[in-house]
Amino acid sequence: METPTKPRTSKHISKSTSPDLNALEYEIEQLKAELDALKAEHSSVAEKWGYPVQDAQVVVKNHIEHLHLYNETKDAAQLILGKLAEMQAKSIKQIHAEFNISSLD
């Protein structure tokens, strides 16, 4: 059988152990200054890229869509090169060399 636990009681913080109010106010001011610097950097990056910084999910979604388009285009090109190699009785490697296409295995 479990014994009931005693409820926690808050201890009185003596003046000697309490945080220094001036130190806390100084730390708050430092954090505000850091926040302002980060906001300025954010604005600078947004201006540099010519558009507002987008939500990460939007950026990832766009990147994935571009990767799909790239892969579809690459697959179509490889299909055409394969047919060309077949028509000329050459290997894909020979066709790549003929057209100066690097092999991206």
PDB file of N, CA and C in Angstrom:
ATOM      1  N   MET A   1       0.830  -1.178   0.000  1.00  0.00           N
ATOM      2  CA  MET A   1       0.000   0.000   0.000  1.00  0.00           C
ATOM      3  C   MET A   1       0.878   1.247   0.000  1.00  0.00           C
ATOM      4  N   GLU A   2       0.523   2.192  -0.892  1.00  0.00           N
ATOM      5  CA  GLU A   2       1.341   3.391  -1.020  1.00  0.00           C
ATOM      6  C   GLU A   2       1.035   4.371   0.097  1.00  0.00           C
ATOM      7  N   THR A   3       2.084   5.044   0.512  1.00  0.00           N
ATOM      8  CA  THR A   3       1.878   6.067   1.538  1.00  0.00           C
ATOM      9  C   THR A   3       1.636   7.391   0.841  1.00  0.00           C
ATOM     10  N   PRO A   4       0.727   8.165   1.345  1.00  0.00           N
ATOM     11  CA  PRO A   4       0.464   9.448   0.698  1.00  0.00           C
ATOM     12  C   PRO A   4       1.684  10.360   0.804  1.00  0.00           C
ATOM     13  N   THR A   5       1.924  11.093  -0.267  1.00  0.00           N
ATOM     14  CA  THR A   5       3.055  12.027  -0.240  1.00  0.00           C
ATOM     15  C   THR A   5       2.593  13.348   0.351  1.00  0.00           C
ATOM     16  N   LYS A   6       3.531  14.004   0.958  1.00  0.00           N
ATOM     17  CA  LYS A   6       3.213  15.297   1.552  1.00  0.00           C
ATOM     18  C   LYS A   6       3.160  16.347   0.447  1.00  0.00           C
ATOM     19  N   PRO A   7       2.202  17.242   0.509  1.00  0.00           N
ATOM     20  CA  PRO A   7       2.165  18.310  -0.497  1.00  0.00           C
ATOM     21  C   PRO A   7       3.391  19.192  -0.347  1.00  0.00           C
ATOM     22  N   ARG A   8       3.864  19.667  -1.495  1.00  0.00           N
ATOM     23  CA  ARG A   8       5.034  20.552  -1.457  1.00  0.00           C
ATOM     24  C   ARG A   8       4.624  21.904  -0.911  1.00  0.00           C
ATOM     25  N   THR A   9       5.486  22.434  -0.108  1.00  0.00           N
ATOM     26  CA  THR A   9       5.226  23.768   0.423  1.00  0.00           C
ATOM     27  C   THR A   9       6.290  24.691  -0.135  1.00  0.00           C
ATOM     28  N   SER A  10       5.879  25.880  -0.484  1.00  0.00           N
ATOM     29  CA  SER A  10       6.861  26.816  -1.011  1.00  0.00           C
ATOM     30  C   SER A  10       7.687  27.358   0.142  1.00  0.00           C
ATOM     31  N   LYS A  11       8.967  27.437  -0.105  1.00  0.00           N
ATOM     32  CA  LYS A  11       9.871  27.963   0.920  1.00  0.00           C
ATOM     33  C   LYS A  11       9.968  29.473   0.742  1.00  0.00           C
ATOM     34  N   HIS A  12      10.088  30.126   1.815  1.00  0.00           N
ATOM     35  CA  HIS A  12      10.267  31.565   1.759  1.00  0.00           C
ATOM     36  C   HIS A  12      11.697  31.846   1.310  1.00  0.00           C
ATOM     37  N   ILE A  13      11.825  32.671   0.285  1.00  0.00           N
ATOM     38  CA  ILE A  13      13.159  33.010  -0.223  1.00  0.00           C
ATOM     39  C   ILE A  13      13.652  34.218   0.550  1.00  0.00           C
ATOM     40  N   SER A  14      14.784  34.025   1.147  1.00  0.00           N
ATOM     41  CA  SER A  14      15.341  35.131   1.921  1.00  0.00           C
ATOM     42  C   SER A  14      15.933  36.160   0.965  1.00  0.00           C
ATOM     43  N   LYS A  15      16.120  37.352   1.447  1.00  0.00           N
ATOM     44  CA  LYS A  15      16.641  38.436   0.628  1.00  0.00           C
ATOM     45  C   LYS A  15      18.022  38.104   0.088  1.00  0.00           C
ATOM     46  N   SER A  16      18.807  37.335   0.819  1.00  0.00           N
ATOM     47  CA  SER A  16      20.171  37.030   0.382  1.00  0.00           C
ATOM     48  C   SER A  16      20.189  36.038  -0.775  1.00  0.00           C
ATOM     49  N   THR A  17      19.142  35.196  -0.923  1.00  0.00           N
ATOM     50  CA  THR A  17      19.130  34.213  -2.009  1.00  0.00           C
ATOM     51  C   THR A  17      18.260  34.651  -3.179  1.00  0.00           C
ATOM     52  N   SER A  18      17.505  35.734  -3.043  1.00  0.00           N
ATOM     53  CA  SER A  18      16.659  36.188  -4.148  1.00  0.00           C
ATOM     54  C   SER A  18      17.535  36.807  -5.243  1.00  0.00           C
ATOM     55  N   PRO A  19      17.084  36.682  -6.503  1.00  0.00           N
ATOM     56  CA  PRO A  19      17.862  37.239  -7.597  1.00  0.00           C
ATOM     57  C   PRO A  19      17.981  38.758  -7.483  1.00  0.00           C
ATOM     58  N   ASP A  20      19.073  39.263  -7.913  1.00  0.00           N
ATOM     59  CA  ASP A  20      19.305  40.702  -7.888  1.00  0.00           C
ATOM     60  C   ASP A  20      18.438  41.346  -8.970  1.00  0.00           C
ATOM     61  N   LEU A  21      17.550  42.224  -8.587  1.00  0.00           N
ATOM     62  CA  LEU A  21      16.627  42.867  -9.510  1.00  0.00           C
ATOM     63  C   LEU A  21      17.362  43.640 -10.601  1.00  0.00           C
ATOM     64  N   ASN A  22      18.428  44.327 -10.241  1.00  0.00           N
ATOM     65  CA  ASN A  22      19.201  45.079 -11.235  1.00  0.00           C
ATOM     66  C   ASN A  22      19.828  44.137 -12.268  1.00  0.00           C
ATOM     67  N   ALA A  23      20.299  42.983 -11.818  1.00  0.00           N
ATOM     68  CA  ALA A  23      20.898  42.022 -12.739  1.00  0.00           C
ATOM     69  C   ALA A  23      19.842  41.478 -13.699  1.00  0.00           C
ATOM     70  N   LEU A  24      18.647  41.221 -13.184  1.00  0.00           N
ATOM     71  CA  LEU A  24      17.569  40.731 -14.035  1.00  0.00           C
ATOM     72  C   LEU A  24      17.146  41.782 -15.054  1.00  0.00           C
ATOM     73  N   GLU A  25      17.048  43.024 -14.620  1.00  0.00           N
ATOM     74  CA  GLU A  25      16.680  44.105 -15.538  1.00  0.00           C
ATOM     75  C   GLU A  25      17.748  44.270 -16.619  1.00  0.00           C
ATOM     76  N   TYR A  26      19.009  44.146 -16.237  1.00  0.00           N
ATOM     77  CA  TYR A  26      20.103  44.230 -17.207  1.00  0.00           C
ATOM     78  C   TYR A  26      20.002  43.079 -18.212  1.00  0.00           C
ATOM     79  N   GLU A  27      19.722  41.879 -17.720  1.00  0.00           N
ATOM     80  CA  GLU A  27      19.603  40.719 -18.603  1.00  0.00           C
ATOM     81  C   GLU A  27      18.424  40.889 -19.566  1.00  0.00           C
ATOM     82  N   ILE A  28      17.326  41.445 -19.085  1.00  0.00           N
ATOM     83  CA  ILE A  28      16.165  41.698 -19.936  1.00  0.00           C
ATOM     84  C   ILE A  28      16.533  42.688 -21.038  1.00  0.00           C
ATOM     85  N   GLU A  29      17.257  43.731 -20.685  1.00  0.00           N
ATOM     86  CA  GLU A  29      17.673  44.719 -21.686  1.00  0.00           C
ATOM     87  C   GLU A  29      18.610  44.095 -22.727  1.00  0.00           C
ATOM     88  N   GLN A  30      19.494  43.221 -22.274  1.00  0.00           N
ATOM     89  CA  GLN A  30      20.405  42.526 -23.200  1.00  0.00           C
ATOM     90  C   GLN A  30      19.605  41.645 -24.161  1.00  0.00           C
ATOM     91  N   LEU A  31      18.614  40.939 -23.636  1.00  0.00           N
ATOM     92  CA  LEU A  31      17.785  40.072 -24.475  1.00  0.00           C
ATOM     93  C   LEU A  31      16.960  40.884 -25.471  1.00  0.00           C
ATOM     94  N   LYS A  32      16.468  42.030 -25.045  1.00  0.00           N
ATOM     95  CA  LYS A  32      15.726  42.906 -25.955  1.00  0.00           C
ATOM     96  C   LYS A  32      16.639  43.396 -27.081  1.00  0.00           C
ATOM     97  N   ALA A  33      17.872  43.751 -26.737  1.00  0.00           N
ATOM     98  CA  ALA A  33      18.825  44.210 -27.748  1.00  0.00           C
ATOM     99  C   ALA A  33      19.141  43.083 -28.731  1.00  0.00           C
ATOM    100  N   GLU A  34      19.304  41.869 -28.205  1.00  0.00           N
ATOM    101  CA  GLU A  34      19.567  40.711 -29.075  1.00  0.00           C
ATOM    102  C   GLU A  34      18.370  40.452 -29.986  1.00  0.00           C
ATOM    103  N   LEU A  35      17.159  40.557 -29.454  1.00  0.00           N
ATOM    104  CA  LEU A  35      15.952  40.369 -30.252  1.00  0.00           C
ATOM    105  C   LEU A  35      15.875  41.407 -31.367  1.00  0.00           C
ATOM    106  N   ASP A  36      16.186  42.658 -31.045  1.00  0.00           N
ATOM    107  CA  ASP A  36      16.173  43.714 -32.060  1.00  0.00           C
ATOM    108  C   ASP A  36      17.194  43.420 -33.162  1.00  0.00           C
ATOM    109  N   ALA A  37      18.378  42.931 -32.782  1.00  0.00           N
ATOM    110  CA  ALA A  37      19.407  42.593 -33.763  1.00  0.00           C
ATOM    111  C   ALA A  37      18.946  41.450 -34.661  1.00  0.00           C
ATOM    112  N   LEU A  38      18.297  40.460 -34.072  1.00  0.00           N
ATOM    113  CA  LEU A  38      17.797  39.328 -34.862  1.00  0.00           C
ATOM    114  C   LEU A  38      16.674  39.762 -35.806  1.00  0.00           C
ATOM    115  N   LYS A  39      15.819  40.660 -35.347  1.00  0.00           N
ATOM    116  CA  LYS A  39      14.759  41.179 -36.218  1.00  0.00           C
ATOM    117  C   LYS A  39      15.368  41.943 -37.397  1.00  0.00           C
ATOM    118  N   ALA A  40      16.399  42.719 -37.128  1.00  0.00           N
ATOM    119  CA  ALA A  40      17.072  43.461 -38.197  1.00  0.00           C
ATOM    120  C   ALA A  40      17.723  42.503 -39.193  1.00  0.00           C
ATOM    121  N   GLU A  41      18.353  41.456 -38.687  1.00  0.00           N
ATOM    122  CA  GLU A  41      18.976  40.451 -39.565  1.00  0.00           C
ATOM    123  C   GLU A  41      17.904  39.756 -40.406  1.00  0.00           C
ATOM    124  N   HIS A  42      16.777  39.432 -39.799  1.00  0.00           N
ATOM    125  CA  HIS A  42      15.663  38.802 -40.508  1.00  0.00           C
ATOM    126  C   HIS A  42      15.197  39.697 -41.651  1.00  0.00           C
ATOM    127  N   SER A  43      15.024  40.981 -41.381  1.00  0.00           N
ATOM    128  CA  SER A  43      14.595  41.922 -42.415  1.00  0.00           C
ATOM    129  C   SER A  43      15.623  42.020 -43.531  1.00  0.00           C
ATOM    130  N   SER A  44      16.894  42.020 -43.158  1.00  0.00           N
ATOM    131  CA  SER A  44      17.969  42.091 -44.145  1.00  0.00           C
ATOM    132  C   SER A  44      17.960  40.880 -45.064  1.00  0.00           C
ATOM    133  N   VAL A  45      17.780  39.697 -44.485  1.00  0.00           N
ATOM    134  CA  VAL A  45      17.734  38.471 -45.288  1.00  0.00           C
ATOM    135  C   VAL A  45      16.523  38.491 -46.214  1.00  0.00           C
ATOM    136  N   ALA A  46      15.378  38.912 -45.689  1.00  0.00           N
ATOM    137  CA  ALA A  46      14.163  38.970 -46.503  1.00  0.00           C
ATOM    138  C   ALA A  46      14.354  39.935 -47.669  1.00  0.00           C
ATOM    139  N   GLU A  47      14.989  41.072 -47.410  1.00  0.00           N
ATOM    140  CA  GLU A  47      15.227  42.061 -48.464  1.00  0.00           C
ATOM    141  C   GLU A  47      16.238  41.532 -49.484  1.00  0.00           C
ATOM    142  N   LYS A  48      17.264  40.847 -49.013  1.00  0.00           N
ATOM    143  CA  LYS A  48      18.301  40.304 -49.900  1.00  0.00           C
ATOM    144  C   LYS A  48      17.708  39.306 -50.882  1.00  0.00           C
ATOM    145  N   TRP A  49      16.801  38.468 -50.411  1.00  0.00           N
ATOM    146  CA  TRP A  49      16.216  37.439 -51.265  1.00  0.00           C
ATOM    147  C   TRP A  49      15.061  37.984 -52.095  1.00  0.00           C
ATOM    148  N   GLY A  50      14.661  39.204 -51.859  1.00  0.00           N
ATOM    149  CA  GLY A  50      13.652  39.836 -52.689  1.00  0.00           C
ATOM    150  C   GLY A  50      12.221  39.442 -52.375  1.00  0.00           C
ATOM    151  N   TYR A  51      12.002  38.743 -51.338  1.00  0.00           N
ATOM    152  CA  TYR A  51      10.659  38.364 -50.923  1.00  0.00           C
ATOM    153  C   TYR A  51      10.673  38.116 -49.430  1.00  0.00           C
ATOM    154  N   PRO A  52       9.519  38.168 -48.811  1.00  0.00           N
ATOM    155  CA  PRO A  52       9.494  37.895 -47.377  1.00  0.00           C
ATOM    156  C   PRO A  52       9.906  36.450 -47.089  1.00  0.00           C
ATOM    157  N   VAL A  53      10.560  36.260 -45.999  1.00  0.00           N
ATOM    158  CA  VAL A  53      10.957  34.913 -45.620  1.00  0.00           C
ATOM    159  C   VAL A  53       9.689  34.101 -45.410  1.00  0.00           C
ATOM    160  N   GLN A  54       9.640  32.952 -46.095  1.00  0.00           N
ATOM    161  CA  GLN A  54       8.424  32.152 -46.074  1.00  0.00           C
ATOM    162  C   GLN A  54       8.429  31.176 -44.914  1.00  0.00           C
ATOM    163  N   ASP A  55       7.252  30.693 -44.656  1.00  0.00           N
ATOM    164  CA  ASP A  55       7.085  29.646 -43.663  1.00  0.00           C
ATOM    165  C   ASP A  55       7.878  28.426 -44.118  1.00  0.00           C
ATOM    166  N   ALA A  56       8.534  27.750 -43.214  1.00  0.00           N
ATOM    167  CA  ALA A  56       9.376  26.609 -43.548  1.00  0.00           C
ATOM    168  C   ALA A  56       8.614  25.528 -44.308  1.00  0.00           C
ATOM    169  N   GLN A  57       7.376  25.288 -43.952  1.00  0.00           N
ATOM    170  CA  GLN A  57       6.597  24.259 -44.634  1.00  0.00           C
ATOM    171  C   GLN A  57       6.361  24.624 -46.099  1.00  0.00           C
ATOM    172  N   VAL A  58       6.155  25.893 -46.388  1.00  0.00           N
ATOM    173  CA  VAL A  58       5.952  26.344 -47.765  1.00  0.00           C
ATOM    174  C   VAL A  58       7.236  26.148 -48.563  1.00  0.00           C
ATOM    175  N   VAL A  59       8.355  26.504 -47.974  1.00  0.00           N
ATOM    176  CA  VAL A  59       9.645  26.350 -48.646  1.00  0.00           C
ATOM    177  C   VAL A  59       9.913  24.883 -48.958  1.00  0.00           C
ATOM    178  N   VAL A  60       9.684  24.006 -47.989  1.00  0.00           N
ATOM    179  CA  VAL A  60       9.907  22.573 -48.187  1.00  0.00           C
ATOM    180  C   VAL A  60       8.977  22.036 -49.270  1.00  0.00           C
ATOM    181  N   LYS A  61       7.712  22.442 -49.232  1.00  0.00           N
ATOM    182  CA  LYS A  61       6.739  21.982 -50.232  1.00  0.00           C
ATOM    183  C   LYS A  61       7.185  22.396 -51.635  1.00  0.00           C
ATOM    184  N   ASN A  62       7.597  23.649 -51.798  1.00  0.00           N
ATOM    185  CA  ASN A  62       8.065  24.125 -53.100  1.00  0.00           C
ATOM    186  C   ASN A  62       9.304  23.361 -53.549  1.00  0.00           C
ATOM    187  N   HIS A  63      10.205  23.109 -52.629  1.00  0.00           N
ATOM    188  CA  HIS A  63      11.425  22.382 -52.968  1.00  0.00           C
ATOM    189  C   HIS A  63      11.099  20.966 -53.449  1.00  0.00           C
ATOM    190  N   ILE A  64      10.190  20.309 -52.767  1.00  0.00           N
ATOM    191  CA  ILE A  64       9.794  18.948 -53.147  1.00  0.00           C
ATOM    192  C   ILE A  64       9.135  18.955 -54.530  1.00  0.00           C
ATOM    193  N   GLU A  65       8.283  19.951 -54.789  1.00  0.00           N
ATOM    194  CA  GLU A  65       7.653  20.048 -56.109  1.00  0.00           C
ATOM    195  C   GLU A  65       8.700  20.221 -57.210  1.00  0.00           C
ATOM    196  N   HIS A  66       9.714  21.047 -56.935  1.00  0.00           N
ATOM    197  CA  HIS A  66      10.786  21.242 -57.924  1.00  0.00           C
ATOM    198  C   HIS A  66      11.601  19.961 -58.115  1.00  0.00           C
ATOM    199  N   LEU A  67      11.825  19.222 -57.044  1.00  0.00           N
ATOM    200  CA  LEU A  67      12.544  17.951 -57.174  1.00  0.00           C
ATOM    201  C   LEU A  67      11.755  16.959 -58.023  1.00  0.00           C
ATOM    202  N   HIS A  68      10.443  16.908 -57.840  1.00  0.00           N
ATOM    203  CA  HIS A  68       9.610  16.016 -58.654  1.00  0.00           C
ATOM    204  C   HIS A  68       9.702  16.398 -60.129  1.00  0.00           C
ATOM    205  N   LEU A  69       9.612  17.698 -60.414  1.00  0.00           N
ATOM    206  CA  LEU A  69       9.709  18.172 -61.792  1.00  0.00           C
ATOM    207  C   LEU A  69      11.074  17.821 -62.385  1.00  0.00           C
ATOM    208  N   TYR A  70      12.129  18.039 -61.614  1.00  0.00           N
ATOM    209  CA  TYR A  70      13.483  17.696 -62.066  1.00  0.00           C
ATOM    210  C   TYR A  70      13.588  16.205 -62.381  1.00  0.00           C
ATOM    211  N   ASN A  71      13.100  15.370 -61.482  1.00  0.00           N
ATOM    212  CA  ASN A  71      13.190  13.917 -61.680  1.00  0.00           C
ATOM    213  C   ASN A  71      12.387  13.466 -62.897  1.00  0.00           C
ATOM    214  N   GLU A  72      11.202  14.035 -63.095  1.00  0.00           N
ATOM    215  CA  GLU A  72      10.401  13.682 -64.265  1.00  0.00           C
ATOM    216  C   GLU A  72      11.111  14.087 -65.551  1.00  0.00           C
ATOM    217  N   THR A  73      11.710  15.271 -65.554  1.00  0.00           N
ATOM    218  CA  THR A  73      12.439  15.754 -66.727  1.00  0.00           C
ATOM    219  C   THR A  73      13.654  14.881 -66.995  1.00  0.00           C
ATOM    220  N   LYS A  74      14.383  14.553 -65.946  1.00  0.00           N
ATOM    221  CA  LYS A  74      15.564  13.695 -66.095  1.00  0.00           C
ATOM    222  C   LYS A  74      15.167  12.313 -66.616  1.00  0.00           C
ATOM    223  N   ASP A  75      14.087  11.751 -66.086  1.00  0.00           N
ATOM    224  CA  ASP A  75      13.616  10.444 -66.554  1.00  0.00           C
ATOM    225  C   ASP A  75      13.248  10.494 -68.035  1.00  0.00           C
ATOM    226  N   ALA A  76      12.561  11.568 -68.459  1.00  0.00           N
ATOM    227  CA  ALA A  76      12.179  11.705 -69.869  1.00  0.00           C
ATOM    228  C   ALA A  76      13.418  11.802 -70.751  1.00  0.00           C
ATOM    229  N   ALA A  77      14.402  12.584 -70.304  1.00  0.00           N
ATOM    230  CA  ALA A  77      15.635  12.724 -71.078  1.00  0.00           C
ATOM    231  C   ALA A  77      16.370  11.390 -71.173  1.00  0.00           C
ATOM    232  N   GLN A  78      16.407  10.643 -70.091  1.00  0.00           N
ATOM    233  CA  GLN A  78      17.080   9.338 -70.112  1.00  0.00           C
ATOM    234  C   GLN A  78      16.352   8.364 -71.042  1.00  0.00           C
ATOM    235  N   LEU A  79      15.034   8.451 -71.084  1.00  0.00           N
ATOM    236  CA  LEU A  79      14.251   7.607 -71.979  1.00  0.00           C
ATOM    237  C   LEU A  79      14.592   7.923 -73.437  1.00  0.00           C
ATOM    238  N   ILE A  80      14.655   9.198 -73.760  1.00  0.00           N
ATOM    239  CA  ILE A  80      15.004   9.618 -75.123  1.00  0.00           C
ATOM    240  C   ILE A  80      16.423   9.181 -75.468  1.00  0.00           C
ATOM    241  N   LEU A  81      17.359   9.381 -74.544  1.00  0.00           N
ATOM    242  CA  LEU A  81      18.742   8.956 -74.804  1.00  0.00           C
ATOM    243  C   LEU A  81      18.829   7.440 -74.968  1.00  0.00           C
ATOM    244  N   GLY A  82      18.023   6.711 -74.210  1.00  0.00           N
ATOM    245  CA  GLY A  82      17.993   5.254 -74.346  1.00  0.00           C
ATOM    246  C   GLY A  82      17.488   4.829 -75.705  1.00  0.00           C
ATOM    247  N   LYS A  83      16.429   5.477 -76.190  1.00  0.00           N
ATOM    248  CA  LYS A  83      15.895   5.176 -77.527  1.00  0.00           C
ATOM    249  C   LYS A  83      16.913   5.529 -78.601  1.00  0.00           C
ATOM    250  N   LEU A  84      17.596   6.651 -78.436  1.00  0.00           N
ATOM    251  CA  LEU A  84      18.626   7.055 -79.394  1.00  0.00           C
ATOM    252  C   LEU A  84      19.761   6.037 -79.412  1.00  0.00           C
ATOM    253  N   ALA A  85      20.169   5.583 -78.246  1.00  0.00           N
ATOM    254  CA  ALA A  85      21.233   4.580 -78.169  1.00  0.00           C
ATOM    255  C   ALA A  85      20.791   3.292 -78.857  1.00  0.00           C
ATOM    256  N   GLU A  86      19.545   2.913 -78.637  1.00  0.00           N
ATOM    257  CA  GLU A  86      19.004   1.699 -79.275  1.00  0.00           C
ATOM    258  C   GLU A  86      18.986   1.850 -80.799  1.00  0.00           C
ATOM    259  N   MET A  87      18.556   3.017 -81.291  1.00  0.00           N
ATOM    260  CA  MET A  87      18.487   3.257 -82.740  1.00  0.00           C
ATOM    261  C   MET A  87      19.871   3.256 -83.378  1.00  0.00           C
ATOM    262  N   GLN A  88      20.870   3.744 -82.646  1.00  0.00           N
ATOM    263  CA  GLN A  88      22.228   3.823 -83.194  1.00  0.00           C
ATOM    264  C   GLN A  88      23.084   2.633 -82.794  1.00  0.00           C
ATOM    265  N   ALA A  89      22.481   1.661 -82.114  1.00  0.00           N
ATOM    266  CA  ALA A  89      23.193   0.460 -81.649  1.00  0.00           C
ATOM    267  C   ALA A  89      24.422   0.837 -80.822  1.00  0.00           C
ATOM    268  N   LYS A  90      24.219   1.777 -79.903  1.00  0.00           N
ATOM    269  CA  LYS A  90      25.289   2.219 -79.007  1.00  0.00           C
ATOM    270  C   LYS A  90      24.828   2.018 -77.567  1.00  0.00           C
ATOM    271  N   SER A  91      25.793   2.085 -76.669  1.00  0.00           N
ATOM    272  CA  SER A  91      25.441   2.001 -75.249  1.00  0.00           C
ATOM    273  C   SER A  91      25.049   3.392 -74.744  1.00  0.00           C
ATOM    274  N   ILE A  92      24.353   3.391 -73.631  1.00  0.00           N
ATOM    275  CA  ILE A  92      23.986   4.674 -73.009  1.00  0.00           C
ATOM    276  C   ILE A  92      25.254   5.467 -72.677  1.00  0.00           C
ATOM    277  N   LYS A  93      26.265   4.774 -72.222  1.00  0.00           N
ATOM    278  CA  LYS A  93      27.525   5.427 -71.878  1.00  0.00           C
ATOM    279  C   LYS A  93      28.125   6.118 -73.103  1.00  0.00           C
ATOM    280  N   GLN A  94      28.047   5.474 -74.259  1.00  0.00           N
ATOM    281  CA  GLN A  94      28.573   6.085 -75.486  1.00  0.00           C
ATOM    282  C   GLN A  94      27.756   7.321 -75.876  1.00  0.00           C
ATOM    283  N   ILE A  95      26.447   7.238 -75.718  1.00  0.00           N
ATOM    284  CA  ILE A  95      25.588   8.391 -76.033  1.00  0.00           C
ATOM    285  C   ILE A  95      25.888   9.549 -75.093  1.00  0.00           C
ATOM    286  N   HIS A  96      26.076   9.242 -73.818  1.00  0.00           N
ATOM    287  CA  HIS A  96      26.422  10.297 -72.846  1.00  0.00           C
ATOM    288  C   HIS A  96      27.737  10.956 -73.241  1.00  0.00           C
ATOM    289  N   ALA A  97      28.715  10.161 -73.632  1.00  0.00           N
ATOM    290  CA  ALA A  97      30.015  10.706 -74.034  1.00  0.00           C
ATOM    291  C   ALA A  97      29.868  11.549 -75.297  1.00  0.00           C
ATOM    292  N   GLU A  98      29.057  11.059 -76.244  1.00  0.00           N
ATOM    293  CA  GLU A  98      28.854  11.769 -77.511  1.00  0.00           C
ATOM    294  C   GLU A  98      28.260  13.169 -77.291  1.00  0.00           C
ATOM    295  N   PHE A  99      27.333  13.270 -76.336  1.00  0.00           N
ATOM    296  CA  PHE A  99      26.671  14.546 -76.052  1.00  0.00           C
ATOM    297  C   PHE A  99      27.289  15.286 -74.868  1.00  0.00           C
ATOM    298  N   ASN A 100      28.426  14.766 -74.387  1.00  0.00           N
ATOM    299  CA  ASN A 100      29.145  15.381 -73.269  1.00  0.00           C
ATOM    300  C   ASN A 100      28.233  15.547 -72.036  1.00  0.00           C
ATOM    301  N   ILE A 101      27.542  14.446 -71.709  1.00  0.00           N
ATOM    302  CA  ILE A 101      26.647  14.423 -70.541  1.00  0.00           C
ATOM    303  C   ILE A 101      27.352  13.653 -69.436  1.00  0.00           C
ATOM    304  N   SER A 102      27.494  14.300 -68.282  1.00  0.00           N
ATOM    305  CA  SER A 102      28.127  13.606 -67.172  1.00  0.00           C
ATOM    306  C   SER A 102      27.142  12.604 -66.595  1.00  0.00           C
ATOM    307  N   SER A 103      27.648  11.463 -66.209  1.00  0.00           N
ATOM    308  CA  SER A 103      26.805  10.420 -65.640  1.00  0.00           C
ATOM    309  C   SER A 103      26.630  10.684 -64.159  1.00  0.00           C
ATOM    310  N   LEU A 104      25.387  10.826 -63.725  1.00  0.00           N
ATOM    311  CA  LEU A 104      25.086  11.116 -62.310  1.00  0.00           C
ATOM    312  C   LEU A 104      24.482   9.880 -61.671  1.00  0.00           C
ATOM    313  N   ASP A 105      25.284   8.886 -61.459  1.00  0.00           N
ATOM    314  CA  ASP A 105      24.787   7.631 -60.890  1.00  0.00           C
ATOM    315  C   ASP A 105      24.308   7.786 -59.502  1.00  0.00           C
TER     316      ASP A 105
END
